[in-house]
Amino acid sequence: MLEFPIWAVLLGVIVNFILRPFKANDFIRPGVRMEFFLKTGLVLLGTSINLKLLATAAGGAVLQAPS
């Protein structure tokens, strides 16, 4: 069974091939940065931080931070 990041990349390639003949890529490209999502996904896969623990530990600090 393939892991979900591989499925995501395969799905992205298939959608790219479907949208390319209709020139929809030029319309969608500014809103979707594939490189950003791939890098973010790789970073998140490498982390082992429990998000609930992070929210309880840093929630107050985020609310107190100046905007």
C-alpha atoms as a PDB file:
ATOM      1  CA  MET A   1       0.000   0.000   0.000  1.00  0.00           C
ATOM      2  CA  LEU A   2       1.305   3.413  -0.897  1.00  0.00           C
ATOM      3  CA  GLU A   3       1.683   6.115   1.729  1.00  0.00           C
ATOM      4  CA  PHE A   4      -0.515   9.204   1.593  1.00  0.00           C
ATOM      5  CA  PRO A   5       2.225  11.636   0.400  1.00  0.00           C
ATOM      6  CA  ILE A   6       2.789   9.443  -2.665  1.00  0.00           C
ATOM      7  CA  TRP A   7      -0.964   9.369  -3.327  1.00  0.00           C
ATOM      8  CA  ALA A   8      -1.055  13.166  -3.026  1.00  0.00           C
ATOM      9  CA  VAL A   9       1.767  13.590  -5.551  1.00  0.00           C
ATOM     10  CA  LEU A  10       0.140  11.121  -7.967  1.00  0.00           C
ATOM     11  CA  LEU A  11      -3.202  12.881  -7.652  1.00  0.00           C
ATOM     12  CA  GLY A  12      -1.506  16.224  -8.319  1.00  0.00           C
ATOM     13  CA  VAL A  13       0.164  14.881 -11.455  1.00  0.00           C
ATOM     14  CA  ILE A  14      -3.117  13.441 -12.755  1.00  0.00           C
ATOM     15  CA  VAL A  15      -4.991  16.693 -12.120  1.00  0.00           C
ATOM     16  CA  ASN A  16      -2.187  18.606 -13.839  1.00  0.00           C
ATOM     17  CA  PHE A  17      -2.493  16.447 -16.963  1.00  0.00           C
ATOM     18  CA  ILE A  18      -6.278  16.900 -16.970  1.00  0.00           C
ATOM     19  CA  LEU A  19      -6.163  20.700 -16.585  1.00  0.00           C
ATOM     20  CA  ARG A  20      -3.273  21.357 -18.967  1.00  0.00           C
ATOM     21  CA  PRO A  21      -5.256  21.002 -22.265  1.00  0.00           C
ATOM     22  CA  PHE A  22      -7.869  23.495 -21.015  1.00  0.00           C
ATOM     23  CA  LYS A  23      -5.221  26.105 -20.079  1.00  0.00           C
ATOM     24  CA  ALA A  24      -6.609  26.084 -16.532  1.00  0.00           C
ATOM     25  CA  ASN A  25      -3.093  25.800 -15.117  1.00  0.00           C
ATOM     26  CA  ASP A  26      -2.397  29.464 -15.862  1.00  0.00           C
ATOM     27  CA  PHE A  27      -5.507  30.449 -13.923  1.00  0.00           C
ATOM     28  CA  ILE A  28      -4.813  28.190 -10.944  1.00  0.00           C
ATOM     29  CA  ARG A  29      -1.027  28.536 -10.725  1.00  0.00           C
ATOM     30  CA  PRO A  30      -0.870  31.761  -8.637  1.00  0.00           C
ATOM     31  CA  GLY A  31      -3.145  30.279  -5.984  1.00  0.00           C
ATOM     32  CA  VAL A  32      -1.408  26.951  -5.673  1.00  0.00           C
ATOM     33  CA  ARG A  33       2.281  26.703  -5.022  1.00  0.00           C
ATOM     34  CA  MET A  34       3.183  23.045  -5.285  1.00  0.00           C
ATOM     35  CA  GLU A  35       6.685  23.555  -3.936  1.00  0.00           C
ATOM     36  CA  PHE A  36       5.323  25.231  -0.790  1.00  0.00           C
ATOM     37  CA  PHE A  37       2.900  22.399  -0.084  1.00  0.00           C
ATOM     38  CA  LEU A  38       5.486  19.685  -0.711  1.00  0.00           C
ATOM     39  CA  LYS A  39       8.010  21.346   1.604  1.00  0.00           C
ATOM     40  CA  THR A  40       5.385  21.938   4.272  1.00  0.00           C
ATOM     41  CA  GLY A  41       4.220  18.329   4.032  1.00  0.00           C
ATOM     42  CA  LEU A  42       7.760  17.029   4.372  1.00  0.00           C
ATOM     43  CA  VAL A  43       8.401  19.202   7.407  1.00  0.00           C
ATOM     44  CA  LEU A  44       5.155  18.106   9.035  1.00  0.00           C
ATOM     45  CA  LEU A  45       5.953  14.454   8.345  1.00  0.00           C
ATOM     46  CA  GLY A  46       9.298  14.898  10.068  1.00  0.00           C
ATOM     47  CA  THR A  47       7.854  16.406  13.220  1.00  0.00           C
ATOM     48  CA  SER A  48       6.608  14.396  16.107  1.00  0.00           C
ATOM     49  CA  ILE A  49       4.985  17.226  18.053  1.00  0.00           C
ATOM     50  CA  ASN A  50       1.582  16.514  19.461  1.00  0.00           C
ATOM     51  CA  LEU A  51      -0.591  19.427  18.273  1.00  0.00           C
ATOM     52  CA  LYS A  52      -2.827  19.219  21.339  1.00  0.00           C
ATOM     53  CA  LEU A  53       0.201  19.573  23.596  1.00  0.00           C
ATOM     54  CA  LEU A  54       1.453  22.481  21.505  1.00  0.00           C
ATOM     55  CA  ALA A  55      -1.926  24.213  21.675  1.00  0.00           C
ATOM     56  CA  THR A  56      -2.143  23.893  25.452  1.00  0.00           C
ATOM     57  CA  ALA A  57       1.458  24.937  26.019  1.00  0.00           C
ATOM     58  CA  ALA A  58       1.616  27.841  23.589  1.00  0.00           C
ATOM     59  CA  GLY A  59      -2.038  28.860  23.325  1.00  0.00           C
ATOM     60  CA  GLY A  60      -1.710  31.625  25.899  1.00  0.00           C
ATOM     61  CA  ALA A  61       1.464  32.955  24.335  1.00  0.00           C
ATOM     62  CA  VAL A  62      -0.174  33.169  20.919  1.00  0.00           C
ATOM     63  CA  LEU A  63      -3.098  35.107  22.372  1.00  0.00           C
ATOM     64  CA  GLN A  64      -0.762  37.517  24.193  1.00  0.00           C
ATOM     65  CA  ALA A  65       1.469  38.159  21.186  1.00  0.00           C
ATOM     66  CA  PRO A  66       1.051  41.620  19.666  1.00  0.00           C
ATOM     67  CA  SER A  67      -0.458  41.681  16.214  1.00  0.00           C
END
